[in-house]
Amino acid sequence: MDQATSKSPDVPRGSKRVVVLGGTGTIGRATVSALLERGHRVICPVRPASLDTARLQLPPDADIRPCEITDPAALARDGFRGETFDALVSCLASRSGAPRDAWAIDYTAHSQALGVARSSGISHMVLLSAICVQRPRLAFQKAKLAFEEELIGSGLTSSIVRPTAYFKSLSGQIDRVRRGKPYLVFGNGELTACKPISDRDLGNFLADCLDDASLWNRVLPIGGPGPAITPLAQAERLFELLDEAPRVRRVPVGLLDAIIVGLSVLGTVSRRLRDKAELARIGRYYATESMLVLDPATGRYDADATPSTGADTLFDFYAKIVAQEESVDLGEHAVF
């Protein structure tokens, strides 16, 4: 009798029993679908408040379990239920990136889940991290790095995936431009570049980490297909798709610096404004740092060293939005 069959008689031969955290997010949903397509049994602990949404958005074959995932006792009791599993995949991330939220989710919730996972026989964890942790200056980056280090030292097989920019995060100005407003870029629009990756391609890559031994015990930067793209190139292509003359407004980075200083001063007496100052720092980071592999020897970002996967391109995604064949719920990404 093979290992999978001995664990559960309804699990197909060769499949794995996988717990997915963060399964209701856009990347989480794509990952759950990719895992199910590969024949794995997928268990999704979700917050009780998100249960109805999860049942609508996740595939019917996903085993959805209401659970307070940030409470380790509840996660063990209501999520894992004393059962044994092969792998834990986490697409969980803090929503705002504010320090308290970042440390609570990006570090503490993951650390607690790791403890529960080890008690459930899990030997492999796939972690969705972020490529921006290469140059950590922000609270959420430091929290993510702290858990990465804990996972590496845990003794479990680990696959730490650091994607570049998401299509969703680069679509925030489409509606703005449709309303006749200019596309905003910082500096000359070429201060940064990225290799955007779609939810589907990233979900497939995360699922591949379970079975491809070449992706085990590694930190895995990953981008989508094609060359690196600057904000100015994004703007130019969007206006082409809309069949409009380009309208681009260049915003000096110094404006963000002034906002950060002002909010930091006010933040000494208000936590709300302190969090806003951190959000402004996050905005400045993304305005000035490329989402590509960082060469530690030169301190420069290297597009050629940034691996690519998948087939979906950002500009194809833009074309579908313009043609109203695709929509995007920006949520926390609604910056502009």
C-alpha atoms as a PDB file:
ATOM      1  CA  MET A   1       0.000   0.000   0.000  1.00  0.00           C
ATOM      2  CA  ASP A   2       1.514   3.372  -0.986  1.00  0.00           C
ATOM      3  CA  GLN A   3       1.919   6.237   1.476  1.00  0.00           C
ATOM      4  CA  ALA A   4      -0.921   8.385   0.115  1.00  0.00           C
ATOM      5  CA  THR A   5      -3.431   5.524   0.209  1.00  0.00           C
ATOM      6  CA  SER A   6      -2.427   4.587   3.746  1.00  0.00           C
ATOM      7  CA  LYS A   7      -3.247   8.098   4.947  1.00  0.00           C
ATOM      8  CA  SER A   8      -6.685   8.383   3.432  1.00  0.00           C
ATOM      9  CA  PRO A   9      -8.590   5.882   1.273  1.00  0.00           C
ATOM     10  CA  ASP A  10     -10.199   8.630  -0.831  1.00  0.00           C
ATOM     11  CA  VAL A  11      -6.900  10.224  -1.876  1.00  0.00           C
ATOM     12  CA  PRO A  12      -5.845   9.165  -5.391  1.00  0.00           C
ATOM     13  CA  ARG A  13      -2.626   7.190  -5.732  1.00  0.00           C
ATOM     14  CA  GLY A  14       0.370   9.527  -5.900  1.00  0.00           C
ATOM     15  CA  SER A  15      -1.509  12.608  -4.704  1.00  0.00           C
ATOM     16  CA  LYS A  16      -0.703  14.592  -1.576  1.00  0.00           C
ATOM     17  CA  ARG A  17      -2.798  16.016   1.214  1.00  0.00           C
ATOM     18  CA  VAL A  18      -2.084  19.739   1.231  1.00  0.00           C
ATOM     19  CA  VAL A  19      -3.168  22.516   3.583  1.00  0.00           C
ATOM     20  CA  VAL A  20      -3.390  25.936   1.915  1.00  0.00           C
ATOM     21  CA  LEU A  21      -3.384  29.134   3.961  1.00  0.00           C
ATOM     22  CA  GLY A  22      -4.580  32.319   2.270  1.00  0.00           C
ATOM     23  CA  GLY A  23      -6.632  30.326  -0.209  1.00  0.00           C
ATOM     24  CA  THR A  24      -9.278  33.040  -0.661  1.00  0.00           C
ATOM     25  CA  GLY A  25      -6.887  35.638  -2.098  1.00  0.00           C
ATOM     26  CA  THR A  26      -6.431  35.938  -5.843  1.00  0.00           C
ATOM     27  CA  ILE A  27      -3.124  34.055  -5.815  1.00  0.00           C
ATOM     28  CA  GLY A  28      -4.443  31.615  -3.249  1.00  0.00           C
ATOM     29  CA  ARG A  29      -7.418  30.743  -5.436  1.00  0.00           C
ATOM     30  CA  ALA A  30      -5.159  30.177  -8.433  1.00  0.00           C
ATOM     31  CA  THR A  31      -2.899  27.966  -6.322  1.00  0.00           C
ATOM     32  CA  VAL A  32      -5.785  25.876  -4.978  1.00  0.00           C
ATOM     33  CA  SER A  33      -6.990  25.313  -8.551  1.00  0.00           C
ATOM     34  CA  ALA A  34      -3.502  24.325  -9.709  1.00  0.00           C
ATOM     35  CA  LEU A  35      -3.112  21.850  -6.847  1.00  0.00           C
ATOM     36  CA  LEU A  36      -6.495  20.257  -7.530  1.00  0.00           C
ATOM     37  CA  GLU A  37      -5.681  19.967 -11.225  1.00  0.00           C
ATOM     38  CA  ARG A  38      -2.605  17.942 -10.247  1.00  0.00           C
ATOM     39  CA  GLY A  39      -4.759  15.522  -8.275  1.00  0.00           C
ATOM     40  CA  HIS A  40      -3.894  16.688  -4.774  1.00  0.00           C
ATOM     41  CA  ARG A  41      -6.378  16.760  -1.896  1.00  0.00           C
ATOM     42  CA  VAL A  42      -6.598  20.411  -0.791  1.00  0.00           C
ATOM     43  CA  ILE A  43      -7.756  21.609   2.619  1.00  0.00           C
ATOM     44  CA  CYS A  44      -8.409  25.349   3.008  1.00  0.00           C
ATOM     45  CA  PRO A  45      -8.778  26.739   6.542  1.00  0.00           C
ATOM     46  CA  VAL A  46     -10.559  30.091   6.184  1.00  0.00           C
ATOM     47  CA  ARG A  47     -11.739  32.711   8.619  1.00  0.00           C
ATOM     48  CA  PRO A  48     -15.415  32.179   9.540  1.00  0.00           C
ATOM     49  CA  ALA A  49     -16.202  35.677   8.245  1.00  0.00           C
ATOM     50  CA  SER A  50     -14.869  34.639   4.820  1.00  0.00           C
ATOM     51  CA  LEU A  51     -16.661  31.293   4.668  1.00  0.00           C
ATOM     52  CA  ASP A  52     -19.487  32.302   2.321  1.00  0.00           C
ATOM     53  CA  THR A  53     -17.041  34.052  -0.023  1.00  0.00           C
ATOM     54  CA  ALA A  54     -14.737  31.026   0.014  1.00  0.00           C
ATOM     55  CA  ARG A  55     -17.585  28.691  -0.946  1.00  0.00           C
ATOM     56  CA  LEU A  56     -18.407  30.917  -3.918  1.00  0.00           C
ATOM     57  CA  GLN A  57     -14.853  31.488  -5.109  1.00  0.00           C
ATOM     58  CA  LEU A  58     -13.012  28.233  -4.451  1.00  0.00           C
ATOM     59  CA  PRO A  59     -13.475  25.076  -6.558  1.00  0.00           C
ATOM     60  CA  PRO A  60     -16.066  22.624  -5.191  1.00  0.00           C
ATOM     61  CA  ASP A  61     -13.400  19.960  -4.657  1.00  0.00           C
ATOM     62  CA  ALA A  62     -11.575  22.120  -2.096  1.00  0.00           C
ATOM     63  CA  ASP A  63     -12.227  21.074   1.514  1.00  0.00           C
ATOM     64  CA  ILE A  64     -13.115  24.412   3.140  1.00  0.00           C
ATOM     65  CA  ARG A  65     -12.850  24.488   6.919  1.00  0.00           C
ATOM     66  CA  PRO A  66     -13.945  27.541   8.972  1.00  0.00           C
ATOM     67  CA  CYS A  67     -11.154  28.382  11.351  1.00  0.00           C
ATOM     68  CA  GLU A  68      -9.499  31.294  13.126  1.00  0.00           C
ATOM     69  CA  ILE A  69      -6.204  30.779  11.336  1.00  0.00           C
ATOM     70  CA  THR A  70      -4.257  33.226  13.510  1.00  0.00           C
ATOM     71  CA  ASP A  71      -5.109  31.187  16.641  1.00  0.00           C
ATOM     72  CA  PRO A  72      -2.823  28.123  16.707  1.00  0.00           C
ATOM     73  CA  ALA A  73      -5.162  26.125  18.944  1.00  0.00           C
ATOM     74  CA  ALA A  74      -8.093  26.813  16.598  1.00  0.00           C
ATOM     75  CA  LEU A  75      -5.970  26.069  13.548  1.00  0.00           C
ATOM     76  CA  ALA A  76      -4.998  22.688  14.994  1.00  0.00           C
ATOM     77  CA  ARG A  77      -8.532  21.863  16.146  1.00  0.00           C
ATOM     78  CA  ASP A  78     -10.668  23.210  13.291  1.00  0.00           C
ATOM     79  CA  GLY A  79      -8.200  23.342  10.390  1.00  0.00           C
ATOM     80  CA  PHE A  80      -5.906  20.330  10.755  1.00  0.00           C
ATOM     81  CA  ARG A  81      -8.394  18.329  12.907  1.00  0.00           C
ATOM     82  CA  GLY A  82      -5.732  15.964  14.172  1.00  0.00           C
ATOM     83  CA  GLU A  83      -5.166  14.575  10.668  1.00  0.00           C
ATOM     84  CA  THR A  84      -1.834  14.054   8.930  1.00  0.00           C
ATOM     85  CA  PHE A  85      -0.770  15.990   5.841  1.00  0.00           C
ATOM     86  CA  ASP A  86       2.090  16.043   3.377  1.00  0.00           C
ATOM     87  CA  ALA A  87       2.552  19.749   2.751  1.00  0.00           C
ATOM     88  CA  LEU A  88       1.624  23.251   3.820  1.00  0.00           C
ATOM     89  CA  VAL A  89       1.331  25.959   1.165  1.00  0.00           C
ATOM     90  CA  SER A  90       0.960  29.530   2.385  1.00  0.00           C
ATOM     91  CA  CYS A  91      -0.275  32.414   0.256  1.00  0.00           C
ATOM     92  CA  LEU A  92      -1.126  34.345   3.416  1.00  0.00           C
ATOM     93  CA  ALA A  93       0.096  37.948   3.683  1.00  0.00           C
ATOM     94  CA  SER A  94      -0.659  41.067   5.685  1.00  0.00           C
ATOM     95  CA  ARG A  95      -3.178  43.326   3.974  1.00  0.00           C
ATOM     96  CA  SER A  96      -1.749  46.748   4.725  1.00  0.00           C
ATOM     97  CA  GLY A  97       1.944  46.200   5.374  1.00  0.00           C
ATOM     98  CA  ALA A  98       1.679  48.390   8.490  1.00  0.00           C
ATOM     99  CA  PRO A  99       4.126  47.207  11.181  1.00  0.00           C
ATOM    100  CA  ARG A 100       1.613  45.704  13.618  1.00  0.00           C
ATOM    101  CA  ASP A 101      -0.263  43.898  10.815  1.00  0.00           C
ATOM    102  CA  ALA A 102       2.968  42.726   9.185  1.00  0.00           C
ATOM    103  CA  TRP A 103       4.441  41.172  12.292  1.00  0.00           C
ATOM    104  CA  ALA A 104       1.093  39.626  13.269  1.00  0.00           C
ATOM    105  CA  ILE A 105       0.555  37.916   9.896  1.00  0.00           C
ATOM    106  CA  ASP A 106       3.794  37.749   7.927  1.00  0.00           C
ATOM    107  CA  TYR A 107       5.727  36.462  10.928  1.00  0.00           C
ATOM    108  CA  THR A 108       3.666  35.373  13.948  1.00  0.00           C
ATOM    109  CA  ALA A 109       0.762  33.654  12.154  1.00  0.00           C
ATOM    110  CA  HIS A 110       3.225  31.801   9.943  1.00  0.00           C
ATOM    111  CA  SER A 111       5.423  30.794  12.866  1.00  0.00           C
ATOM    112  CA  GLN A 112       2.407  29.411  14.722  1.00  0.00           C
ATOM    113  CA  ALA A 113       1.162  27.583  11.619  1.00  0.00           C
ATOM    114  CA  LEU A 114       4.597  26.034  11.166  1.00  0.00           C
ATOM    115  CA  GLY A 115       4.389  24.579  14.664  1.00  0.00           C
ATOM    116  CA  VAL A 116       0.941  23.115  13.986  1.00  0.00           C
ATOM    117  CA  ALA A 117       2.143  21.747  10.641  1.00  0.00           C
ATOM    118  CA  ARG A 118       5.078  19.918  12.174  1.00  0.00           C
ATOM    119  CA  SER A 119       2.739  18.287  14.692  1.00  0.00           C
ATOM    120  CA  SER A 120       0.604  17.090  11.760  1.00  0.00           C
ATOM    121  CA  GLY A 121       3.429  15.255  10.046  1.00  0.00           C
ATOM    122  CA  ILE A 122       4.034  17.875   7.373  1.00  0.00           C
ATOM    123  CA  SER A 123       7.496  17.597   5.866  1.00  0.00           C
ATOM    124  CA  HIS A 124       7.364  20.310   3.161  1.00  0.00           C
ATOM    125  CA  MET A 125       6.281  23.950   3.243  1.00  0.00           C
ATOM    126  CA  VAL A 126       5.869  26.161   0.195  1.00  0.00           C
ATOM    127  CA  LEU A 127       5.925  29.838   1.192  1.00  0.00           C
ATOM    128  CA  LEU A 128       4.798  32.737  -0.970  1.00  0.00           C
ATOM    129  CA  SER A 129       7.161  35.547  -0.005  1.00  0.00           C
ATOM    130  CA  ALA A 130       8.182  38.623  -2.051  1.00  0.00           C
ATOM    131  CA  ILE A 131      11.201  39.617  -4.102  1.00  0.00           C
ATOM    132  CA  CYS A 132      11.410  42.986  -2.331  1.00  0.00           C
ATOM    133  CA  VAL A 133      12.834  41.340   0.805  1.00  0.00           C
ATOM    134  CA  GLN A 134      16.242  41.365  -0.910  1.00  0.00           C
ATOM    135  CA  ARG A 135      16.684  44.959   0.264  1.00  0.00           C
ATOM    136  CA  PRO A 136      14.648  45.084   3.488  1.00  0.00           C
ATOM    137  CA  ARG A 137      13.789  48.569   4.687  1.00  0.00           C
ATOM    138  CA  LEU A 138      10.147  48.143   5.661  1.00  0.00           C
ATOM    139  CA  ALA A 139       8.379  46.346   8.484  1.00  0.00           C
ATOM    140  CA  PHE A 140       6.611  43.799   6.290  1.00  0.00           C
ATOM    141  CA  GLN A 141       9.857  42.908   4.522  1.00  0.00           C
ATOM    142  CA  LYS A 142      11.640  42.322   7.822  1.00  0.00           C
ATOM    143  CA  ALA A 143       8.726  40.234   9.104  1.00  0.00           C
ATOM    144  CA  LYS A 144       8.761  38.082   5.961  1.00  0.00           C
ATOM    145  CA  LEU A 145      12.525  37.612   6.195  1.00  0.00           C
ATOM    146  CA  ALA A 146      12.267  36.633   9.855  1.00  0.00           C
ATOM    147  CA  PHE A 147       9.887  33.821   8.979  1.00  0.00           C
ATOM    148  CA  GLU A 148      11.912  32.764   5.940  1.00  0.00           C
ATOM    149  CA  GLU A 149      14.888  32.270   8.256  1.00  0.00           C
ATOM    150  CA  GLU A 150      12.762  30.336  10.746  1.00  0.00           C
ATOM    151  CA  LEU A 151      11.429  28.053   8.012  1.00  0.00           C
ATOM    152  CA  ILE A 152      14.906  27.376   6.624  1.00  0.00           C
ATOM    153  CA  GLY A 153      16.108  26.446  10.111  1.00  0.00           C
ATOM    154  CA  SER A 154      13.069  24.276  10.887  1.00  0.00           C
ATOM    155  CA  GLY A 155      14.344  21.087   9.289  1.00  0.00           C
ATOM    156  CA  LEU A 156      11.375  20.900   6.911  1.00  0.00           C
ATOM    157  CA  THR A 157      11.854  20.815   3.178  1.00  0.00           C
ATOM    158  CA  SER A 158      11.152  24.382   2.072  1.00  0.00           C
ATOM    159  CA  SER A 159      10.377  26.185  -1.169  1.00  0.00           C
ATOM    160  CA  ILE A 160      10.458  29.955  -0.626  1.00  0.00           C
ATOM    161  CA  VAL A 161       8.950  31.674  -3.654  1.00  0.00           C
ATOM    162  CA  ARG A 162       9.716  35.357  -4.214  1.00  0.00           C
ATOM    163  CA  PRO A 163       7.629  36.653  -7.135  1.00  0.00           C
ATOM    164  CA  THR A 164       8.081  39.964  -8.882  1.00  0.00           C
ATOM    165  CA  ALA A 165       5.166  42.353  -9.424  1.00  0.00           C
ATOM    166  CA  TYR A 166       1.611  41.057  -9.860  1.00  0.00           C
ATOM    167  CA  PHE A 167      -0.710  42.095 -12.692  1.00  0.00           C
ATOM    168  CA  LYS A 168      -3.148  43.358 -10.054  1.00  0.00           C
ATOM    169  CA  SER A 169      -0.621  45.721  -8.502  1.00  0.00           C
ATOM    170  CA  LEU A 170       0.190  47.208 -11.917  1.00  0.00           C
ATOM    171  CA  SER A 171      -3.422  47.832 -12.944  1.00  0.00           C
ATOM    172  CA  GLY A 172      -4.319  50.564 -10.477  1.00  0.00           C
ATOM    173  CA  GLN A 173      -4.232  53.394 -12.992  1.00  0.00           C
ATOM    174  CA  ILE A 174      -6.340  51.910 -15.775  1.00  0.00           C
ATOM    175  CA  ASP A 175      -9.592  53.359 -14.475  1.00  0.00           C
ATOM    176  CA  ARG A 176      -7.881  56.667 -13.773  1.00  0.00           C
ATOM    177  CA  VAL A 177      -6.672  56.919 -17.373  1.00  0.00           C
ATOM    178  CA  ARG A 178     -10.110  55.963 -18.703  1.00  0.00           C
ATOM    179  CA  ARG A 179     -11.501  58.968 -16.819  1.00  0.00           C
ATOM    180  CA  GLY A 180      -9.201  61.261 -18.770  1.00  0.00           C
ATOM    181  CA  LYS A 181      -6.518  61.700 -16.134  1.00  0.00           C
ATOM    182  CA  PRO A 182      -2.796  61.333 -16.837  1.00  0.00           C
ATOM    183  CA  TYR A 183      -0.799  58.241 -15.985  1.00  0.00           C
ATOM    184  CA  LEU A 184       1.489  58.968 -13.040  1.00  0.00           C
ATOM    185  CA  VAL A 185       5.130  57.909 -13.047  1.00  0.00           C
ATOM    186  CA  PHE A 186       7.879  58.770 -10.604  1.00  0.00           C
ATOM    187  CA  GLY A 187      10.946  60.527 -11.922  1.00  0.00           C
ATOM    188  CA  ASN A 188      11.351  59.822 -15.629  1.00  0.00           C
ATOM    189  CA  GLY A 189       9.250  56.654 -15.464  1.00  0.00           C
ATOM    190  CA  GLU A 190      12.287  54.444 -15.891  1.00  0.00           C
ATOM    191  CA  LEU A 191      13.657  54.367 -12.356  1.00  0.00           C
ATOM    192  CA  THR A 192      12.388  50.817 -11.901  1.00  0.00           C
ATOM    193  CA  ALA A 193      11.463  47.703 -13.841  1.00  0.00           C
ATOM    194  CA  CYS A 194       9.800  44.365 -13.156  1.00  0.00           C
ATOM    195  CA  LYS A 195       8.815  41.106 -14.848  1.00  0.00           C
ATOM    196  CA  PRO A 196       5.121  40.841 -13.925  1.00  0.00           C
ATOM    197  CA  ILE A 197       3.591  37.434 -13.277  1.00  0.00           C
ATOM    198  CA  SER A 198      -0.072  36.441 -13.483  1.00  0.00           C
ATOM    199  CA  ASP A 199      -1.980  34.744 -10.679  1.00  0.00           C
ATOM    200  CA  ARG A 200      -2.410  31.642 -12.829  1.00  0.00           C
ATOM    201  CA  ASP A 201       1.269  31.299 -13.715  1.00  0.00           C
ATOM    202  CA  LEU A 202       2.315  31.932 -10.125  1.00  0.00           C
ATOM    203  CA  GLY A 203      -0.251  29.437  -8.827  1.00  0.00           C
ATOM    204  CA  ASN A 204       1.119  26.809 -11.202  1.00  0.00           C
ATOM    205  CA  PHE A 205       4.675  27.524 -10.068  1.00  0.00           C
ATOM    206  CA  LEU A 206       3.708  27.205  -6.398  1.00  0.00           C
ATOM    207  CA  ALA A 207       1.971  23.900  -7.123  1.00  0.00           C
ATOM    208  CA  ASP A 208       5.022  22.638  -9.041  1.00  0.00           C
ATOM    209  CA  CYS A 209       7.127  23.152  -5.921  1.00  0.00           C
ATOM    210  CA  LEU A 210       5.487  20.116  -4.312  1.00  0.00           C
ATOM    211  CA  ASP A 211       6.704  17.627  -6.914  1.00  0.00           C
ATOM    212  CA  ASP A 212       9.781  19.159  -8.548  1.00  0.00           C
ATOM    213  CA  ALA A 213      12.785  18.297  -6.377  1.00  0.00           C
ATOM    214  CA  SER A 214      14.864  20.982  -8.108  1.00  0.00           C
ATOM    215  CA  LEU A 215      12.632  23.538  -6.336  1.00  0.00           C
ATOM    216  CA  TRP A 216      13.190  22.117  -2.841  1.00  0.00           C
ATOM    217  CA  ASN A 217      15.266  23.824  -0.136  1.00  0.00           C
ATOM    218  CA  ARG A 218      15.713  26.886  -2.284  1.00  0.00           C
ATOM    219  CA  VAL A 219      14.815  30.553  -2.352  1.00  0.00           C
ATOM    220  CA  LEU A 220      13.104  30.987  -5.706  1.00  0.00           C
ATOM    221  CA  PRO A 221      12.795  34.421  -7.338  1.00  0.00           C
ATOM    222  CA  ILE A 222      10.322  34.211 -10.214  1.00  0.00           C
ATOM    223  CA  GLY A 223       8.805  36.515 -12.814  1.00  0.00           C
ATOM    224  CA  GLY A 224       6.515  36.216 -15.789  1.00  0.00           C
ATOM    225  CA  PRO A 225       7.511  35.837 -19.449  1.00  0.00           C
ATOM    226  CA  GLY A 226       9.161  38.497 -21.556  1.00  0.00           C
ATOM    227  CA  PRO A 227      11.558  41.352 -20.845  1.00  0.00           C
ATOM    228  CA  ALA A 228      11.465  43.607 -17.803  1.00  0.00           C
ATOM    229  CA  ILE A 229       8.952  46.460 -18.095  1.00  0.00           C
ATOM    230  CA  THR A 230       9.278  50.017 -16.771  1.00  0.00           C
ATOM    231  CA  PRO A 231       6.344  52.161 -15.567  1.00  0.00           C
ATOM    232  CA  LEU A 232       6.770  54.385 -18.623  1.00  0.00           C
ATOM    233  CA  ALA A 233       6.456  51.361 -20.928  1.00  0.00           C
ATOM    234  CA  GLN A 234       3.304  50.336 -19.047  1.00  0.00           C
ATOM    235  CA  ALA A 235       1.827  53.788 -19.614  1.00  0.00           C
ATOM    236  CA  GLU A 236       2.712  53.889 -23.308  1.00  0.00           C
ATOM    237  CA  ARG A 237       1.196  50.478 -23.988  1.00  0.00           C
ATOM    238  CA  LEU A 238      -1.975  51.286 -22.079  1.00  0.00           C
ATOM    239  CA  PHE A 239      -2.583  54.417 -24.159  1.00  0.00           C
ATOM    240  CA  GLU A 240      -1.947  52.408 -27.338  1.00  0.00           C
ATOM    241  CA  LEU A 241      -4.610  49.922 -26.299  1.00  0.00           C
ATOM    242  CA  LEU A 242      -7.023  52.760 -25.558  1.00  0.00           C
ATOM    243  CA  ASP A 243      -6.131  54.355 -28.903  1.00  0.00           C
ATOM    244  CA  GLU A 244      -5.338  57.641 -27.182  1.00  0.00           C
ATOM    245  CA  ALA A 245      -2.405  60.020 -27.194  1.00  0.00           C
ATOM    246  CA  PRO A 246      -0.179  59.424 -24.156  1.00  0.00           C
ATOM    247  CA  ARG A 247      -0.809  61.617 -21.120  1.00  0.00           C
ATOM    248  CA  VAL A 248       1.954  61.055 -18.601  1.00  0.00           C
ATOM    249  CA  ARG A 249       2.636  63.150 -15.514  1.00  0.00           C
ATOM    250  CA  ARG A 250       6.057  62.843 -13.909  1.00  0.00           C
ATOM    251  CA  VAL A 251       6.000  63.073 -10.126  1.00  0.00           C
ATOM    252  CA  PRO A 252       9.249  63.906  -8.285  1.00  0.00           C
ATOM    253  CA  VAL A 253      10.299  61.312  -5.720  1.00  0.00           C
ATOM    254  CA  GLY A 254      11.010  64.221  -3.384  1.00  0.00           C
ATOM    255  CA  LEU A 255       7.265  64.740  -3.031  1.00  0.00           C
ATOM    256  CA  LEU A 256       6.987  61.331  -1.391  1.00  0.00           C
ATOM    257  CA  ASP A 257       9.900  62.190   0.880  1.00  0.00           C
ATOM    258  CA  ALA A 258       8.116  65.334   2.068  1.00  0.00           C
ATOM    259  CA  ILE A 259       4.919  63.382   2.735  1.00  0.00           C
ATOM    260  CA  ILE A 260       6.840  60.765   4.707  1.00  0.00           C
ATOM    261  CA  VAL A 261       8.522  63.406   6.877  1.00  0.00           C
ATOM    262  CA  GLY A 262       5.224  65.149   7.603  1.00  0.00           C
ATOM    263  CA  LEU A 263       3.366  61.949   8.456  1.00  0.00           C
ATOM    264  CA  SER A 264       6.257  60.687  10.573  1.00  0.00           C
ATOM    265  CA  VAL A 265       6.171  63.816  12.699  1.00  0.00           C
ATOM    266  CA  LEU A 266       2.398  63.585  13.130  1.00  0.00           C
ATOM    267  CA  GLY A 267       2.728  59.850  13.749  1.00  0.00           C
ATOM    268  CA  THR A 268       4.461  60.517  17.060  1.00  0.00           C
ATOM    269  CA  VAL A 269       1.021  61.319  18.501  1.00  0.00           C
ATOM    270  CA  SER A 270      -1.232  59.173  16.276  1.00  0.00           C
ATOM    271  CA  ARG A 271      -0.887  55.493  15.418  1.00  0.00           C
ATOM    272  CA  ARG A 272      -3.205  55.981  12.436  1.00  0.00           C
ATOM    273  CA  LEU A 273      -0.860  58.606  10.978  1.00  0.00           C
ATOM    274  CA  ARG A 274       2.139  56.472  11.907  1.00  0.00           C
ATOM    275  CA  ASP A 275       0.656  53.674   9.790  1.00  0.00           C
ATOM    276  CA  LYS A 276       0.051  56.140   6.965  1.00  0.00           C
ATOM    277  CA  ALA A 277       3.696  57.136   7.127  1.00  0.00           C
ATOM    278  CA  GLU A 278       4.639  53.466   6.699  1.00  0.00           C
ATOM    279  CA  LEU A 279       2.311  53.188   3.708  1.00  0.00           C
ATOM    280  CA  ALA A 280       4.031  56.229   2.205  1.00  0.00           C
ATOM    281  CA  ARG A 281       7.395  54.534   2.762  1.00  0.00           C
ATOM    282  CA  ILE A 282       6.066  51.459   0.994  1.00  0.00           C
ATOM    283  CA  GLY A 283       4.966  53.651  -1.921  1.00  0.00           C
ATOM    284  CA  ARG A 284       8.394  55.277  -2.097  1.00  0.00           C
ATOM    285  CA  TYR A 285      10.089  51.878  -2.025  1.00  0.00           C
ATOM    286  CA  TYR A 286       8.126  50.628  -5.009  1.00  0.00           C
ATOM    287  CA  ALA A 287       8.692  53.951  -6.801  1.00  0.00           C
ATOM    288  CA  THR A 288      12.461  53.603  -6.558  1.00  0.00           C
ATOM    289  CA  GLU A 289      13.321  49.887  -6.320  1.00  0.00           C
ATOM    290  CA  SER A 290      13.012  47.396  -9.158  1.00  0.00           C
ATOM    291  CA  MET A 291      11.259  44.081  -8.578  1.00  0.00           C
ATOM    292  CA  LEU A 292      14.088  42.025 -10.059  1.00  0.00           C
ATOM    293  CA  VAL A 293      16.905  39.860  -8.725  1.00  0.00           C
ATOM    294  CA  LEU A 294      19.433  41.962  -6.831  1.00  0.00           C
ATOM    295  CA  ASP A 295      23.086  41.300  -7.572  1.00  0.00           C
ATOM    296  CA  PRO A 296      24.751  41.461  -4.130  1.00  0.00           C
ATOM    297  CA  ALA A 297      28.157  42.065  -5.667  1.00  0.00           C
ATOM    298  CA  THR A 298      27.139  45.179  -7.599  1.00  0.00           C
ATOM    299  CA  GLY A 299      24.044  46.283  -5.679  1.00  0.00           C
ATOM    300  CA  ARG A 300      22.179  46.493  -8.988  1.00  0.00           C
ATOM    301  CA  TYR A 301      19.024  44.779 -10.170  1.00  0.00           C
ATOM    302  CA  ASP A 302      19.503  42.255 -12.951  1.00  0.00           C
ATOM    303  CA  ALA A 303      16.642  41.483 -15.332  1.00  0.00           C
ATOM    304  CA  ASP A 304      18.616  38.720 -17.058  1.00  0.00           C
ATOM    305  CA  ALA A 305      19.167  36.952 -13.727  1.00  0.00           C
ATOM    306  CA  THR A 306      15.456  37.067 -12.895  1.00  0.00           C
ATOM    307  CA  PRO A 307      13.876  33.714 -13.879  1.00  0.00           C
ATOM    308  CA  SER A 308      10.669  33.654 -15.908  1.00  0.00           C
ATOM    309  CA  THR A 309       7.764  31.242 -16.059  1.00  0.00           C
ATOM    310  CA  GLY A 310       4.358  30.905 -17.665  1.00  0.00           C
ATOM    311  CA  ALA A 311       2.718  32.391 -20.727  1.00  0.00           C
ATOM    312  CA  ASP A 312       0.525  35.272 -19.516  1.00  0.00           C
ATOM    313  CA  THR A 313       1.798  38.798 -20.172  1.00  0.00           C
ATOM    314  CA  LEU A 314       0.832  42.047 -18.495  1.00  0.00           C
ATOM    315  CA  PHE A 315      -0.046  43.718 -21.775  1.00  0.00           C
ATOM    316  CA  ASP A 316      -2.348  40.868 -22.780  1.00  0.00           C
ATOM    317  CA  PHE A 317      -4.031  41.384 -19.411  1.00  0.00           C
ATOM    318  CA  TYR A 318      -4.340  45.126 -20.104  1.00  0.00           C
ATOM    319  CA  ALA A 319      -5.902  44.345 -23.490  1.00  0.00           C
ATOM    320  CA  LYS A 320      -8.509  42.111 -21.860  1.00  0.00           C
ATOM    321  CA  ILE A 321      -9.397  44.808 -19.330  1.00  0.00           C
ATOM    322  CA  VAL A 322      -9.713  47.438 -22.060  1.00  0.00           C
ATOM    323  CA  ALA A 323     -11.942  45.042 -24.038  1.00  0.00           C
ATOM    324  CA  GLN A 324     -13.941  44.401 -20.851  1.00  0.00           C
ATOM    325  CA  GLU A 325     -13.091  40.702 -21.065  1.00  0.00           C
ATOM    326  CA  GLU A 326     -11.351  40.879 -17.687  1.00  0.00           C
ATOM    327  CA  SER A 327     -11.812  42.910 -14.527  1.00  0.00           C
ATOM    328  CA  VAL A 328      -9.651  43.500 -11.503  1.00  0.00           C
ATOM    329  CA  ASP A 329     -10.661  44.110  -7.909  1.00  0.00           C
ATOM    330  CA  LEU A 330      -7.857  46.285  -6.681  1.00  0.00           C
ATOM    331  CA  GLY A 331      -8.686  46.049  -2.985  1.00  0.00           C
ATOM    332  CA  GLU A 332      -5.600  47.039  -1.030  1.00  0.00           C
ATOM    333  CA  HIS A 333      -3.867  47.853  -4.336  1.00  0.00           C
ATOM    334  CA  ALA A 334      -6.138  50.816  -5.067  1.00  0.00           C
ATOM    335  CA  VAL A 335      -3.441  53.442  -4.567  1.00  0.00           C
ATOM    336  CA  PHE A 336      -4.295  56.002  -7.237  1.00  0.00           C
END
